[in-house]
């Protein structure tokens, strides 16, 4: 019989596998994300998979997948020109009335009203990170904007769930401790942060933050740590100078001001940040963070 700690590590690895698979296919209706499929992906019994997943994420798989699909559809309503019918289909709702009902139950208004009014219900406004409530001139921290092409990046990563600052701190602390202890840090290592959710309508205890470092070697991971590929392509890039706490204002500018004035189509993957300076060596006002927004 395996040791209890060994079983715990195995479960963490399998939950990582499930989360990666969901993230990779959440917006592709051709992929099934039901219990049987995900149990097969993670090599777990479908009788136990949901309980194991919930013990690490706080949500059952069905609730997790449904929430992500609805929140992804909300992002598309705000930041794309796709028809509501097409957005519903990309969220795996072939029955349009079912999509409207589920969206209204989750956000408190039908998708048409959400898009027309760019409405974010009060329930979700209350969850916005405190930094978002500070007065700031949107875009004031941006010192450079470009369009770049980036190759795929193989990364070592750890995902943490919870309020943004807490999740990010826990993720980086665990990842860097692991990376240094395994001698994986080199002069060419790139530190990348991915926030999958928008605090405007994801409850803060469910926000997913992923800390990543690039690696150029094969490495067998364990426990919370995993490997994956960040897809390359074309990106609009913005260099933010200033504290990490003000990044939310730069993201707000990018998606609400810059994007509304540009004739671009956003790519089908999350934005991410590359940290260009070491917060242990640079004052907060001089920190440089390069934001990558995927475009087609």
Protein backbone atom coordinates (compact mmCIF):
# COMPACT_ATOMS: atom_id res chain seq x y z
CA UNK A 1 0.00 0.00 0.00
CA UNK A 2 1.46 3.43 -0.95
CA UNK A 3 2.50 5.79 1.80
CA UNK A 4 -0.07 8.47 2.63
CA UNK A 5 2.31 11.32 1.63
CA UNK A 6 3.00 9.58 -1.68
CA UNK A 7 -0.72 9.34 -2.39
CA UNK A 8 -1.13 13.04 -1.59
CA UNK A 9 1.60 13.98 -4.08
CA UNK A 10 0.05 11.73 -6.69
CA UNK A 11 -3.33 13.40 -6.23
CA UNK A 12 -1.78 16.87 -6.61
CA UNK A 13 -0.09 15.81 -9.84
CA UNK A 14 -3.32 14.43 -11.22
CA UNK A 15 -5.30 17.55 -10.29
CA UNK A 16 -2.61 19.56 -12.14
CA UNK A 17 -3.16 17.34 -15.16
CA UNK A 18 -6.92 17.92 -15.05
CA UNK A 19 -6.54 21.71 -14.69
CA UNK A 20 -4.08 21.84 -17.61
CA UNK A 21 -6.42 19.81 -19.82
CA UNK A 22 -9.40 22.01 -18.95
CA UNK A 23 -7.44 25.23 -19.56
CA UNK A 24 -6.23 23.96 -22.93
CA UNK A 25 -9.70 22.97 -24.18
CA UNK A 26 -12.20 25.12 -22.25
CA UNK A 27 -13.08 27.20 -25.33
CA UNK A 28 -13.17 24.31 -27.80
CA UNK A 29 -16.62 22.66 -27.84
CA UNK A 30 -15.19 19.66 -29.72
CA UNK A 31 -13.51 18.46 -26.53
CA UNK A 32 -15.59 16.78 -23.85
CA UNK A 33 -14.88 17.93 -20.31
CA UNK A 34 -17.13 15.46 -18.51
CA UNK A 35 -16.11 13.32 -15.54
CA UNK A 36 -15.34 10.19 -17.57
CA UNK A 37 -13.07 12.05 -20.01
CA UNK A 38 -11.18 13.90 -17.27
CA UNK A 39 -10.89 10.76 -15.17
CA UNK A 40 -9.26 9.05 -18.15
CA UNK A 41 -6.90 12.01 -18.71
CA UNK A 42 -5.76 11.91 -15.06
CA UNK A 43 -5.85 8.11 -14.71
CA UNK A 44 -8.28 8.34 -11.81
CA UNK A 45 -11.49 6.49 -11.05
CA UNK A 46 -14.54 8.49 -12.13
CA UNK A 47 -16.09 7.50 -8.79
CA UNK A 48 -13.52 9.57 -6.86
CA UNK A 49 -12.24 12.21 -9.27
CA UNK A 50 -14.70 14.98 -8.31
CA UNK A 51 -14.04 14.63 -4.56
CA UNK A 52 -10.27 14.68 -5.08
CA UNK A 53 -10.50 17.69 -7.41
CA UNK A 54 -12.73 19.59 -4.97
CA UNK A 55 -10.38 18.90 -2.05
CA UNK A 56 -7.65 20.88 -3.85
CA UNK A 57 -9.65 23.56 -5.69
CA UNK A 58 -12.71 24.09 -3.52
CA UNK A 59 -15.06 23.30 -6.44
CA UNK A 60 -16.39 20.14 -8.02
CA UNK A 61 -15.34 19.56 -11.62
CA UNK A 62 -18.79 20.24 -13.08
CA UNK A 63 -19.10 23.55 -11.21
CA UNK A 64 -15.52 24.50 -12.11
CA UNK A 65 -15.99 23.86 -15.85
CA UNK A 66 -19.39 25.57 -15.96
CA UNK A 67 -18.06 28.68 -14.17
CA UNK A 68 -15.02 28.99 -16.44
CA UNK A 69 -17.16 28.65 -19.56
CA UNK A 70 -19.56 31.35 -18.39
CA UNK A 71 -16.75 33.69 -17.33
CA UNK A 72 -14.96 33.13 -20.65
CA UNK A 73 -18.20 33.97 -22.44
CA UNK A 74 -18.46 37.18 -20.38
CA UNK A 75 -14.95 38.21 -21.49
CA UNK A 76 -15.94 37.61 -25.12
CA UNK A 77 -19.09 39.67 -24.69
CA UNK A 78 -16.99 42.56 -23.37
CA UNK A 79 -13.96 42.31 -25.64
CA UNK A 80 -14.95 40.62 -28.89
CA UNK A 81 -17.31 41.29 -31.74
CA UNK A 82 -18.56 37.69 -31.96
CA UNK A 83 -22.31 37.17 -32.03
CA UNK A 84 -23.91 36.00 -28.79
CA UNK A 85 -24.99 32.81 -30.56
CA UNK A 86 -21.38 32.08 -31.57
CA UNK A 87 -20.16 32.82 -28.05
CA UNK A 88 -22.76 30.43 -26.65
CA UNK A 89 -21.60 27.69 -29.03
CA UNK A 90 -17.92 28.23 -28.17
CA UNK A 91 -18.96 27.81 -24.52
CA UNK A 92 -20.49 24.41 -25.40
CA UNK A 93 -24.08 25.66 -25.22
CA UNK A 94 -25.74 24.51 -28.44
CA UNK A 95 -29.08 25.34 -26.86
CA UNK A 96 -29.21 29.16 -26.85
CA UNK A 97 -32.03 29.48 -24.25
CA UNK A 98 -30.03 27.21 -21.92
CA UNK A 99 -27.00 29.50 -22.32
CA UNK A 100 -29.09 32.61 -21.60
CA UNK A 101 -30.59 31.00 -18.51
CA UNK A 102 -27.22 29.83 -17.16
CA UNK A 103 -25.61 33.20 -17.85
CA UNK A 104 -28.40 35.09 -16.11
CA UNK A 105 -28.23 32.78 -13.09
CA UNK A 106 -24.49 33.39 -12.80
CA UNK A 107 -24.28 37.12 -13.60
CA UNK A 108 -27.75 38.38 -12.74
CA UNK A 109 -28.59 39.60 -16.25
CA UNK A 110 -28.96 38.09 -19.75
CA UNK A 111 -25.91 38.17 -22.06
CA UNK A 112 -27.46 40.82 -24.34
CA UNK A 113 -27.78 43.26 -21.43
CA UNK A 114 -24.28 42.41 -20.22
CA UNK A 115 -22.83 43.30 -23.62
CA UNK A 116 -24.98 46.38 -24.23
CA UNK A 117 -24.41 47.97 -20.83
CA UNK A 118 -21.02 46.33 -20.21
CA UNK A 119 -22.73 45.46 -16.98
CA UNK A 120 -20.79 43.88 -14.12
CA UNK A 121 -23.21 43.06 -11.30
CA UNK A 122 -22.66 44.51 -7.83
CA UNK A 123 -22.02 41.01 -6.45
CA UNK A 124 -18.88 40.79 -8.53
CA UNK A 125 -17.84 44.42 -8.15
CA UNK A 126 -17.49 43.75 -4.44
CA UNK A 127 -14.87 41.10 -5.24
CA UNK A 128 -12.52 43.46 -7.09
CA UNK A 129 -9.07 43.53 -5.58
CA UNK A 130 -8.59 46.56 -3.33
CA UNK A 131 -5.93 47.94 -5.65
CA UNK A 132 -8.60 48.36 -8.32
CA UNK A 133 -10.46 50.83 -6.13
CA UNK A 134 -7.51 53.20 -5.81
CA UNK A 135 -7.62 56.32 -7.97
CA UNK A 136 -5.16 56.10 -10.83
CA UNK A 137 -4.72 57.45 -14.33
CA UNK A 138 -5.23 54.49 -16.63
CA UNK A 139 -2.19 53.84 -18.78
CA UNK A 140 0.10 56.21 -16.90
CA UNK A 141 2.54 53.40 -16.08
CA UNK A 142 3.04 52.30 -19.70
CA UNK A 143 6.45 53.32 -21.07
CA UNK A 144 6.51 51.24 -24.27
CA UNK A 145 4.06 49.54 -26.65
CA UNK A 146 4.97 47.17 -29.49
CA UNK A 147 3.78 44.22 -31.55
CA UNK A 148 5.97 41.13 -31.17
CA UNK A 149 6.13 37.52 -32.28
CA UNK A 150 7.19 35.02 -29.62
CA UNK A 151 8.04 31.35 -29.90
CA UNK A 152 6.45 28.66 -27.73
CA UNK A 153 7.84 28.65 -24.20
CA UNK A 154 8.30 25.46 -22.20
CA UNK A 155 7.78 26.33 -18.56
CA UNK A 156 7.81 24.90 -15.08
CA UNK A 157 4.71 26.14 -13.26
CA UNK A 158 2.64 26.09 -10.11
CA UNK A 159 -1.00 27.15 -9.85
CA UNK A 160 -2.48 28.70 -6.73
CA UNK A 161 -6.08 29.72 -6.14
CA UNK A 162 -7.27 32.59 -3.95
CA UNK A 163 -7.11 36.41 -3.66
CA UNK A 164 -4.66 37.68 -6.28
CA UNK A 165 -1.84 38.98 -4.08
CA UNK A 166 -1.97 36.00 -1.73
CA UNK A 167 -2.12 33.45 -4.56
CA UNK A 168 0.77 35.13 -6.42
CA UNK A 169 2.97 35.28 -3.31
CA UNK A 170 2.32 31.62 -2.47
CA UNK A 171 2.92 30.54 -6.05
CA UNK A 172 6.26 32.33 -6.46
CA UNK A 173 7.51 31.32 -3.03
CA UNK A 174 6.87 27.63 -3.72
CA UNK A 175 8.11 27.69 -7.32
CA UNK A 176 11.38 29.52 -6.63
CA UNK A 177 12.17 27.33 -3.63
CA UNK A 178 11.69 24.26 -5.82
CA UNK A 179 13.62 25.72 -8.78
CA UNK A 180 16.65 26.74 -6.74
CA UNK A 181 16.75 23.47 -4.83
CA UNK A 182 16.77 21.61 -8.17
CA UNK A 183 19.29 24.01 -9.77
CA UNK A 184 16.89 25.03 -12.53
CA UNK A 185 17.58 28.78 -12.48
CA UNK A 186 20.01 30.12 -15.10
CA UNK A 187 20.91 33.55 -16.46
CA UNK A 188 18.41 32.93 -19.28
CA UNK A 189 15.46 32.00 -17.07
CA UNK A 190 12.32 34.07 -17.76
CA UNK A 191 9.75 34.61 -15.00
CA UNK A 192 6.18 34.61 -16.29
CA UNK A 193 2.91 35.20 -14.42
CA UNK A 194 -0.51 34.23 -15.75
CA UNK A 195 -3.76 35.43 -14.18
CA UNK A 196 -6.54 33.43 -15.80
CA UNK A 197 -9.46 35.29 -14.28
CA UNK A 198 -10.79 38.84 -14.19
CA UNK A 199 -11.33 40.09 -10.61
CA UNK A 200 -14.30 42.10 -11.92
CA UNK A 201 -16.41 38.95 -12.11
CA UNK A 202 -14.49 36.10 -10.55
CA UNK A 203 -14.90 35.84 -6.80
CA UNK A 204 -11.52 36.49 -5.25
CA UNK A 205 -11.27 33.13 -3.49
CA UNK A 206 -11.53 31.46 -6.95
CA UNK A 207 -8.94 33.53 -8.83
CA UNK A 208 -6.29 31.33 -10.48
CA UNK A 209 -2.70 32.58 -10.59
CA UNK A 210 0.04 30.64 -12.33
CA UNK A 211 3.74 31.33 -11.64
CA UNK A 212 6.04 30.02 -14.40
CA UNK A 213 9.73 29.90 -15.23
CA UNK A 214 11.16 28.88 -18.59
CA UNK A 215 13.27 25.72 -18.70
CA UNK A 216 15.47 24.32 -21.46
CA UNK A 217 15.85 20.79 -20.16
CA UNK A 218 13.70 17.77 -19.42
CA UNK A 219 12.75 17.66 -15.77
CA UNK A 220 10.46 15.24 -13.96
CA UNK A 221 8.22 17.25 -11.67
CA UNK A 222 6.20 16.21 -8.65
CA UNK A 223 3.42 17.46 -6.42
CA UNK A 224 2.16 20.99 -7.11
CA UNK A 225 4.86 21.63 -9.72
CA UNK A 226 4.18 20.80 -13.35
CA UNK A 227 5.43 21.54 -16.88
CA UNK A 228 3.49 22.91 -19.81
CA UNK A 229 3.82 24.93 -23.00
CA UNK A 230 2.86 28.59 -23.29
CA UNK A 231 1.85 28.96 -26.91
CA UNK A 232 3.70 31.58 -28.91
CA UNK A 233 2.37 33.77 -31.71
CA UNK A 234 1.65 37.47 -32.21
CA UNK A 235 1.27 39.71 -29.19
CA UNK A 236 0.64 43.34 -28.40
CA UNK A 237 3.13 44.12 -25.64
CA UNK A 238 3.10 46.86 -23.02
CA UNK A 239 5.93 47.63 -20.60
CA UNK A 240 4.53 48.68 -17.23
CA UNK A 241 6.83 50.65 -14.92
CA UNK A 242 5.80 50.73 -11.28
CA UNK A 243 4.50 48.59 -8.41
CA UNK A 244 2.81 45.29 -9.13
CA UNK A 245 -0.23 46.63 -7.24
CA UNK A 246 -0.79 49.08 -10.13
CA UNK A 247 -0.74 46.42 -12.85
CA UNK A 248 -4.53 46.20 -12.59
CA UNK A 249 -4.80 49.79 -13.85
CA UNK A 250 -2.61 49.00 -16.86
CA UNK A 251 -4.67 45.91 -17.70
CA UNK A 252 -7.79 48.06 -17.32
CA UNK A 253 -6.40 50.56 -19.81
CA UNK A 254 -5.39 47.85 -22.28
CA UNK A 255 -8.77 46.14 -22.38
CA UNK A 256 -11.08 49.13 -21.99
CA UNK A 257 -9.24 51.92 -23.81
CA UNK A 258 -6.49 50.62 -26.08
CA UNK A 259 -8.46 47.62 -27.35
CA UNK A 260 -11.64 49.62 -28.05
CA UNK A 261 -9.66 51.94 -30.37
CA UNK A 262 -7.70 49.29 -32.24
CA UNK A 263 -8.86 47.05 -35.06
CA UNK A 264 -7.40 43.87 -33.63
CA UNK A 265 -8.81 40.47 -32.77
CA UNK A 266 -7.72 38.99 -29.47
CA UNK A 267 -6.10 35.57 -29.60
CA UNK A 268 -7.65 32.53 -27.96
CA UNK A 269 -5.33 32.24 -24.93
CA UNK A 270 -4.77 34.22 -21.73
CA UNK A 271 -2.55 37.28 -21.47
CA UNK A 272 0.57 36.94 -19.36
CA UNK A 273 3.28 39.07 -17.77
CA UNK A 274 7.05 38.74 -17.99
CA UNK A 275 8.84 40.19 -14.98
CA UNK A 276 11.89 42.06 -16.28
CA UNK A 277 13.35 43.21 -12.95
CA UNK A 278 14.02 41.59 -9.57
CA UNK A 279 11.74 43.03 -6.84
CA UNK A 280 14.46 42.20 -4.31
CA UNK A 281 16.89 44.54 -6.07
CA UNK A 282 14.69 47.30 -7.50
CA UNK A 283 12.42 49.84 -5.78
CA UNK A 284 8.68 49.29 -6.49
CA UNK A 285 8.39 52.45 -8.62
CA UNK A 286 11.15 51.17 -10.94
CA UNK A 287 9.88 47.62 -11.44
CA UNK A 288 9.42 46.70 -15.10
CA UNK A 289 6.74 44.23 -16.20
CA UNK A 290 6.06 43.38 -19.84
CA UNK A 291 2.44 42.45 -20.53
CA UNK A 292 1.74 40.16 -23.51
CA UNK A 293 -1.77 40.30 -25.00
CA UNK A 294 -2.35 37.65 -27.72
CA UNK A 295 -3.69 38.98 -31.03
CA UNK A 296 -4.53 37.32 -34.33
